[in-house]
């Protein structure tokens, strides 16, 4: 199956990385990981200048020992105003999740991920 796109997942939980890797691979995406926002920004900038930059980034809202999604998207938008980013959280009542576009995100995704929801959001953003 040809690769549909390249996704950067920023999440500090290893189980989320492992499961999401399998799901994204199954859906036909190439995936890279970052444990926090600083690593995500570094990877995004590095890949942006390559022949295959990331199509979409998925950012966890809260990273207890590092930069979370809100701060990360602010930095990514300064570097690339057209970045396609999804805010991911188990806290659906958080203002950043509720009003995701006000914070520079393209979409939101609740944890735990539902495969159909993840698939639909990625396909929607890939068309933009």
N, C-alpha and C. Protein backbone atom coordinates (compact mmCIF):
# COMPACT_ATOMS: atom_id res chain seq x y z
N UNK A 1 0.86 -1.18 0.00
CA UNK A 1 0.00 0.00 0.00
C UNK A 1 0.91 1.24 0.00
N UNK A 2 0.63 2.20 -0.89
CA UNK A 2 1.43 3.43 -0.90
C UNK A 2 1.17 4.25 0.36
N UNK A 3 2.19 4.98 0.77
CA UNK A 3 2.07 5.83 1.96
C UNK A 3 1.15 7.00 1.64
N UNK A 4 0.16 7.23 2.52
CA UNK A 4 -0.82 8.31 2.33
C UNK A 4 -0.30 9.65 2.81
N UNK A 5 0.64 9.63 3.76
CA UNK A 5 1.16 10.86 4.32
C UNK A 5 2.11 10.57 5.46
N UNK A 6 2.70 11.65 5.96
CA UNK A 6 3.69 11.54 7.02
C UNK A 6 3.18 12.30 8.24
N UNK A 7 3.13 11.61 9.39
CA UNK A 7 2.54 12.16 10.61
C UNK A 7 3.60 12.21 11.71
N UNK A 8 3.61 13.31 12.43
CA UNK A 8 4.44 13.45 13.63
C UNK A 8 3.52 13.42 14.84
N UNK A 9 3.73 12.45 15.73
CA UNK A 9 2.94 12.33 16.95
C UNK A 9 3.78 12.75 18.14
N UNK A 10 3.30 13.75 18.87
CA UNK A 10 3.97 14.19 20.09
C UNK A 10 3.13 13.75 21.27
N UNK A 11 3.68 12.78 22.01
CA UNK A 11 3.00 12.25 23.20
C UNK A 11 4.05 11.64 24.10
N UNK A 12 3.97 11.89 25.39
CA UNK A 12 4.98 11.39 26.32
C UNK A 12 4.70 9.97 26.81
N UNK A 13 3.55 9.42 26.49
CA UNK A 13 3.20 8.07 26.95
C UNK A 13 3.59 7.03 25.91
N UNK A 14 4.45 6.10 26.31
CA UNK A 14 4.94 5.06 25.40
C UNK A 14 3.81 4.21 24.84
N UNK A 15 2.82 3.87 25.66
CA UNK A 15 1.71 3.04 25.19
C UNK A 15 0.92 3.75 24.08
N UNK A 16 0.75 5.06 24.21
CA UNK A 16 0.05 5.83 23.17
C UNK A 16 0.87 5.80 21.89
N UNK A 17 2.19 5.98 22.02
CA UNK A 17 3.06 5.93 20.84
C UNK A 17 2.98 4.57 20.16
N UNK A 18 3.07 3.51 20.94
CA UNK A 18 3.07 2.15 20.38
C UNK A 18 1.77 1.83 19.66
N UNK A 19 0.65 2.08 20.33
CA UNK A 19 -0.66 1.77 19.74
C UNK A 19 -0.93 2.65 18.52
N UNK A 20 -0.65 3.94 18.65
CA UNK A 20 -0.91 4.86 17.54
C UNK A 20 -0.02 4.52 16.35
N UNK A 21 1.21 4.09 16.60
CA UNK A 21 2.10 3.68 15.51
C UNK A 21 1.46 2.55 14.70
N UNK A 22 0.96 1.55 15.41
CA UNK A 22 0.33 0.41 14.72
C UNK A 22 -0.90 0.84 13.93
N UNK A 23 -1.71 1.69 14.52
CA UNK A 23 -2.93 2.16 13.84
C UNK A 23 -2.58 2.99 12.61
N UNK A 24 -1.65 3.94 12.78
CA UNK A 24 -1.28 4.80 11.64
C UNK A 24 -0.62 3.99 10.52
N UNK A 25 0.21 3.02 10.90
CA UNK A 25 0.83 2.15 9.90
C UNK A 25 -0.25 1.37 9.15
N UNK A 26 -1.22 0.84 9.87
CA UNK A 26 -2.33 0.10 9.28
C UNK A 26 -3.13 1.00 8.32
N UNK A 27 -3.29 2.28 8.70
CA UNK A 27 -4.04 3.22 7.85
C UNK A 27 -3.22 3.74 6.67
N UNK A 28 -1.93 3.41 6.64
CA UNK A 28 -1.11 3.78 5.49
C UNK A 28 -0.26 5.02 5.68
N UNK A 29 0.00 5.40 6.92
CA UNK A 29 0.80 6.59 7.19
C UNK A 29 2.17 6.22 7.73
N UNK A 30 3.13 7.05 7.39
CA UNK A 30 4.47 6.99 7.95
C UNK A 30 4.42 7.83 9.22
N UNK A 31 4.99 7.35 10.33
CA UNK A 31 4.86 8.08 11.59
C UNK A 31 6.19 8.21 12.30
N UNK A 32 6.41 9.39 12.89
CA UNK A 32 7.56 9.65 13.75
C UNK A 32 7.03 10.15 15.09
N UNK A 33 7.88 10.05 16.12
CA UNK A 33 7.44 10.39 17.47
C UNK A 33 8.32 11.44 18.12
N UNK A 34 7.71 12.19 19.00
CA UNK A 34 8.42 13.13 19.86
C UNK A 34 7.81 13.00 21.25
N UNK A 35 8.66 13.04 22.28
CA UNK A 35 8.16 12.87 23.65
C UNK A 35 7.65 14.17 24.25
N UNK A 36 8.04 15.31 23.65
CA UNK A 36 7.55 16.60 24.11
C UNK A 36 7.65 17.63 22.98
N UNK A 37 7.20 18.83 23.28
CA UNK A 37 7.13 19.87 22.26
C UNK A 37 8.47 20.30 21.70
N UNK A 38 9.49 20.36 22.55
CA UNK A 38 10.80 20.78 22.06
C UNK A 38 11.33 19.81 21.01
N UNK A 39 11.17 18.52 21.26
CA UNK A 39 11.61 17.50 20.31
C UNK A 39 10.75 17.58 19.04
N UNK A 40 9.45 17.79 19.21
CA UNK A 40 8.54 17.88 18.06
C UNK A 40 8.93 19.05 17.15
N UNK A 41 9.23 20.19 17.73
CA UNK A 41 9.62 21.37 16.95
C UNK A 41 10.92 21.10 16.20
N UNK A 42 11.87 20.51 16.89
CA UNK A 42 13.16 20.18 16.27
C UNK A 42 12.96 19.23 15.07
N UNK A 43 12.18 18.17 15.28
CA UNK A 43 11.91 17.20 14.20
C UNK A 43 11.16 17.86 13.04
N UNK A 44 10.15 18.66 13.36
CA UNK A 44 9.35 19.31 12.33
C UNK A 44 10.22 20.22 11.47
N UNK A 45 11.06 21.02 12.11
CA UNK A 45 11.94 21.94 11.36
C UNK A 45 12.92 21.16 10.48
N UNK A 46 13.48 20.10 11.03
CA UNK A 46 14.43 19.28 10.28
C UNK A 46 13.76 18.67 9.04
N UNK A 47 12.58 18.10 9.24
CA UNK A 47 11.89 17.43 8.13
C UNK A 47 11.30 18.42 7.12
N UNK A 48 11.00 19.64 7.56
CA UNK A 48 10.41 20.65 6.67
C UNK A 48 11.35 20.95 5.51
N UNK A 49 12.65 20.88 5.75
CA UNK A 49 13.61 21.17 4.70
C UNK A 49 13.99 19.93 3.89
N UNK A 50 13.38 18.80 4.20
CA UNK A 50 13.66 17.56 3.47
C UNK A 50 12.69 17.40 2.31
N UNK A 51 12.87 16.33 1.57
CA UNK A 51 11.97 16.05 0.44
C UNK A 51 10.62 15.53 0.90
N UNK A 52 10.54 15.09 2.15
CA UNK A 52 9.29 14.52 2.67
C UNK A 52 8.95 15.12 4.03
N UNK A 53 8.47 16.38 4.05
CA UNK A 53 8.10 16.99 5.34
C UNK A 53 6.84 16.33 5.91
N UNK A 54 6.59 16.60 7.18
CA UNK A 54 5.39 16.06 7.82
C UNK A 54 4.15 16.72 7.21
N UNK A 55 3.13 15.91 6.96
CA UNK A 55 1.85 16.44 6.46
C UNK A 55 0.99 16.93 7.62
N UNK A 56 1.06 16.21 8.73
CA UNK A 56 0.18 16.48 9.87
C UNK A 56 0.96 16.23 11.16
N UNK A 57 0.70 17.06 12.18
CA UNK A 57 1.24 16.79 13.51
C UNK A 57 0.07 16.59 14.48
N UNK A 58 0.25 15.63 15.37
CA UNK A 58 -0.73 15.37 16.44
C UNK A 58 -0.02 15.71 17.75
N UNK A 59 -0.56 16.69 18.47
CA UNK A 59 0.09 17.17 19.68
C UNK A 59 -0.75 16.91 20.91
N UNK A 60 -0.15 16.23 21.88
CA UNK A 60 -0.80 16.00 23.16
C UNK A 60 -0.90 17.33 23.91
N UNK A 61 -2.05 17.61 24.47
CA UNK A 61 -2.26 18.87 25.17
C UNK A 61 -1.32 19.04 26.36
N UNK A 62 -1.22 18.01 27.19
CA UNK A 62 -0.41 18.16 28.40
C UNK A 62 0.70 17.10 28.46
N UNK A 63 1.90 17.61 28.66
CA UNK A 63 3.08 16.76 28.83
C UNK A 63 3.67 17.17 30.18
N UNK A 64 3.48 16.34 31.22
CA UNK A 64 3.88 16.73 32.57
C UNK A 64 5.34 17.20 32.72
N UNK A 65 6.26 16.56 32.02
CA UNK A 65 7.67 16.94 32.17
C UNK A 65 8.22 17.53 30.88
N UNK A 66 7.43 18.39 30.24
CA UNK A 66 7.91 18.99 29.00
C UNK A 66 6.90 19.95 28.41
N UNK A 67 7.20 20.45 27.22
CA UNK A 67 6.33 21.40 26.54
C UNK A 67 5.12 20.67 25.95
N UNK A 68 3.92 21.15 26.27
CA UNK A 68 2.70 20.55 25.78
C UNK A 68 2.24 21.13 24.45
N UNK A 69 1.08 20.71 24.01
CA UNK A 69 0.56 21.07 22.70
C UNK A 69 0.31 22.54 22.46
N UNK A 70 -0.22 23.23 23.46
CA UNK A 70 -0.55 24.66 23.30
C UNK A 70 0.70 25.48 23.01
N UNK A 71 1.75 25.27 23.77
CA UNK A 71 3.00 25.99 23.56
C UNK A 71 3.67 25.56 22.26
N UNK A 72 3.58 24.26 21.95
CA UNK A 72 4.22 23.73 20.75
C UNK A 72 3.61 24.31 19.49
N UNK A 73 2.27 24.40 19.43
CA UNK A 73 1.64 24.92 18.22
C UNK A 73 2.00 26.39 18.03
N UNK A 74 2.14 27.13 19.11
CA UNK A 74 2.53 28.54 18.99
C UNK A 74 3.89 28.66 18.29
N UNK A 75 4.83 27.81 18.67
CA UNK A 75 6.17 27.82 18.07
C UNK A 75 6.14 27.30 16.63
N UNK A 76 5.39 26.24 16.40
CA UNK A 76 5.31 25.69 15.04
C UNK A 76 4.68 26.68 14.07
N UNK A 77 3.65 27.39 14.51
CA UNK A 77 2.98 28.39 13.66
C UNK A 77 3.92 29.54 13.29
N UNK A 78 4.81 29.91 14.21
CA UNK A 78 5.79 30.96 13.89
C UNK A 78 6.72 30.49 12.77
N UNK A 79 7.08 29.21 12.81
CA UNK A 79 7.98 28.62 11.82
C UNK A 79 7.26 28.31 10.51
N UNK A 80 6.03 27.76 10.63
CA UNK A 80 5.24 27.35 9.46
C UNK A 80 3.77 27.68 9.72
N UNK A 81 3.31 28.85 9.25
CA UNK A 81 1.91 29.25 9.50
C UNK A 81 0.88 28.28 8.90
N UNK A 82 1.30 27.42 7.98
CA UNK A 82 0.36 26.50 7.32
C UNK A 82 0.38 25.10 7.93
N UNK A 83 1.06 24.92 9.06
CA UNK A 83 1.14 23.61 9.69
C UNK A 83 -0.28 23.08 9.97
N UNK A 84 -0.47 21.80 9.67
CA UNK A 84 -1.74 21.13 9.97
C UNK A 84 -1.55 20.37 11.27
N UNK A 85 -2.24 20.81 12.31
CA UNK A 85 -2.03 20.23 13.63
C UNK A 85 -3.34 19.83 14.28
N UNK A 86 -3.28 18.69 14.97
CA UNK A 86 -4.42 18.15 15.71
C UNK A 86 -4.06 18.20 17.19
N UNK A 87 -4.94 18.77 18.01
CA UNK A 87 -4.74 18.74 19.46
C UNK A 87 -5.37 17.44 19.97
N UNK A 88 -4.63 16.75 20.82
CA UNK A 88 -5.07 15.47 21.34
C UNK A 88 -5.11 15.54 22.87
N UNK A 89 -6.20 15.06 23.46
CA UNK A 89 -6.30 15.10 24.91
C UNK A 89 -7.39 14.18 25.42
N UNK A 90 -7.20 13.76 26.65
CA UNK A 90 -8.25 13.04 27.36
C UNK A 90 -9.17 13.99 28.10
N UNK A 91 -8.82 15.28 28.08
CA UNK A 91 -9.59 16.31 28.78
C UNK A 91 -10.42 17.10 27.78
N UNK A 92 -11.57 16.58 27.42
CA UNK A 92 -12.38 17.21 26.37
C UNK A 92 -12.98 18.55 26.79
N UNK A 93 -13.01 18.85 28.09
CA UNK A 93 -13.57 20.12 28.55
C UNK A 93 -12.56 21.25 28.58
N UNK A 94 -11.29 20.95 28.30
CA UNK A 94 -10.26 21.98 28.31
C UNK A 94 -10.55 23.02 27.22
N UNK A 95 -10.39 24.32 27.52
CA UNK A 95 -10.67 25.37 26.54
C UNK A 95 -9.88 25.22 25.23
N UNK A 96 -8.65 24.72 25.32
CA UNK A 96 -7.85 24.54 24.11
C UNK A 96 -8.49 23.48 23.21
N UNK A 97 -9.01 22.43 23.81
CA UNK A 97 -9.66 21.37 23.04
C UNK A 97 -11.01 21.86 22.50
N UNK A 98 -11.78 22.51 23.35
CA UNK A 98 -13.10 23.01 22.95
C UNK A 98 -13.01 24.03 21.81
N UNK A 99 -12.04 24.93 21.89
CA UNK A 99 -11.90 26.02 20.92
C UNK A 99 -10.59 25.87 20.15
N UNK A 100 -10.33 24.66 19.66
CA UNK A 100 -9.04 24.31 19.07
C UNK A 100 -8.58 25.26 17.97
N UNK A 101 -9.49 25.73 17.14
CA UNK A 101 -9.08 26.61 16.03
C UNK A 101 -8.61 27.98 16.54
N UNK A 102 -9.11 28.42 17.67
CA UNK A 102 -8.66 29.69 18.26
C UNK A 102 -7.19 29.63 18.67
N UNK A 103 -6.70 28.42 18.88
CA UNK A 103 -5.31 28.23 19.32
C UNK A 103 -4.39 27.81 18.18
N UNK A 104 -4.92 27.77 16.96
CA UNK A 104 -4.09 27.45 15.80
C UNK A 104 -4.11 26.00 15.36
N UNK A 105 -5.01 25.21 15.95
CA UNK A 105 -5.11 23.80 15.56
C UNK A 105 -6.12 23.64 14.43
N UNK A 106 -5.90 22.62 13.61
CA UNK A 106 -6.80 22.32 12.50
C UNK A 106 -7.96 21.44 12.92
N UNK A 107 -7.74 20.64 13.98
CA UNK A 107 -8.75 19.68 14.40
C UNK A 107 -8.42 19.23 15.82
N UNK A 108 -9.34 18.47 16.43
CA UNK A 108 -9.12 17.91 17.77
C UNK A 108 -9.41 16.41 17.74
N UNK A 109 -8.77 15.71 18.66
CA UNK A 109 -8.92 14.26 18.72
C UNK A 109 -8.92 13.85 20.19
N UNK A 110 -9.98 13.19 20.61
CA UNK A 110 -10.11 12.76 22.01
C UNK A 110 -9.36 11.45 22.24
N UNK A 111 -8.75 11.36 23.42
CA UNK A 111 -8.14 10.10 23.85
C UNK A 111 -9.16 9.36 24.69
N UNK A 112 -9.22 8.07 24.63
CA UNK A 112 -8.46 7.21 23.73
C UNK A 112 -8.96 7.35 22.29
N UNK A 113 -8.04 7.23 21.34
CA UNK A 113 -8.39 7.40 19.93
C UNK A 113 -9.34 6.32 19.46
N UNK A 114 -10.30 6.74 18.67
CA UNK A 114 -11.16 5.80 17.96
C UNK A 114 -10.61 5.73 16.54
N UNK A 115 -10.37 4.54 16.05
CA UNK A 115 -9.71 4.38 14.75
C UNK A 115 -10.46 5.11 13.64
N UNK A 116 -11.77 4.97 13.59
CA UNK A 116 -12.54 5.64 12.53
C UNK A 116 -12.42 7.16 12.61
N UNK A 117 -12.44 7.70 13.83
CA UNK A 117 -12.32 9.14 14.00
C UNK A 117 -10.94 9.63 13.56
N UNK A 118 -9.90 8.90 13.98
CA UNK A 118 -8.54 9.24 13.58
C UNK A 118 -8.41 9.20 12.05
N UNK A 119 -8.91 8.14 11.46
CA UNK A 119 -8.85 7.97 9.99
C UNK A 119 -9.56 9.12 9.28
N UNK A 120 -10.76 9.45 9.73
CA UNK A 120 -11.54 10.52 9.08
C UNK A 120 -10.86 11.88 9.20
N UNK A 121 -10.34 12.18 10.38
CA UNK A 121 -9.67 13.47 10.58
C UNK A 121 -8.43 13.57 9.70
N UNK A 122 -7.62 12.51 9.67
CA UNK A 122 -6.42 12.53 8.83
C UNK A 122 -6.77 12.69 7.36
N UNK A 123 -7.78 11.96 6.90
CA UNK A 123 -8.18 12.07 5.49
C UNK A 123 -8.70 13.47 5.18
N UNK A 124 -9.46 14.04 6.08
CA UNK A 124 -9.99 15.40 5.90
C UNK A 124 -8.85 16.41 5.79
N UNK A 125 -7.87 16.31 6.68
CA UNK A 125 -6.74 17.26 6.66
C UNK A 125 -5.81 17.03 5.47
N UNK A 126 -5.66 15.81 5.03
CA UNK A 126 -4.81 15.54 3.86
C UNK A 126 -5.37 16.17 2.59
N UNK A 127 -6.69 16.35 2.54
CA UNK A 127 -7.34 16.95 1.36
C UNK A 127 -7.19 18.46 1.32
N UNK A 128 -6.87 19.07 2.48
CA UNK A 128 -6.77 20.54 2.55
C UNK A 128 -5.46 21.02 1.99
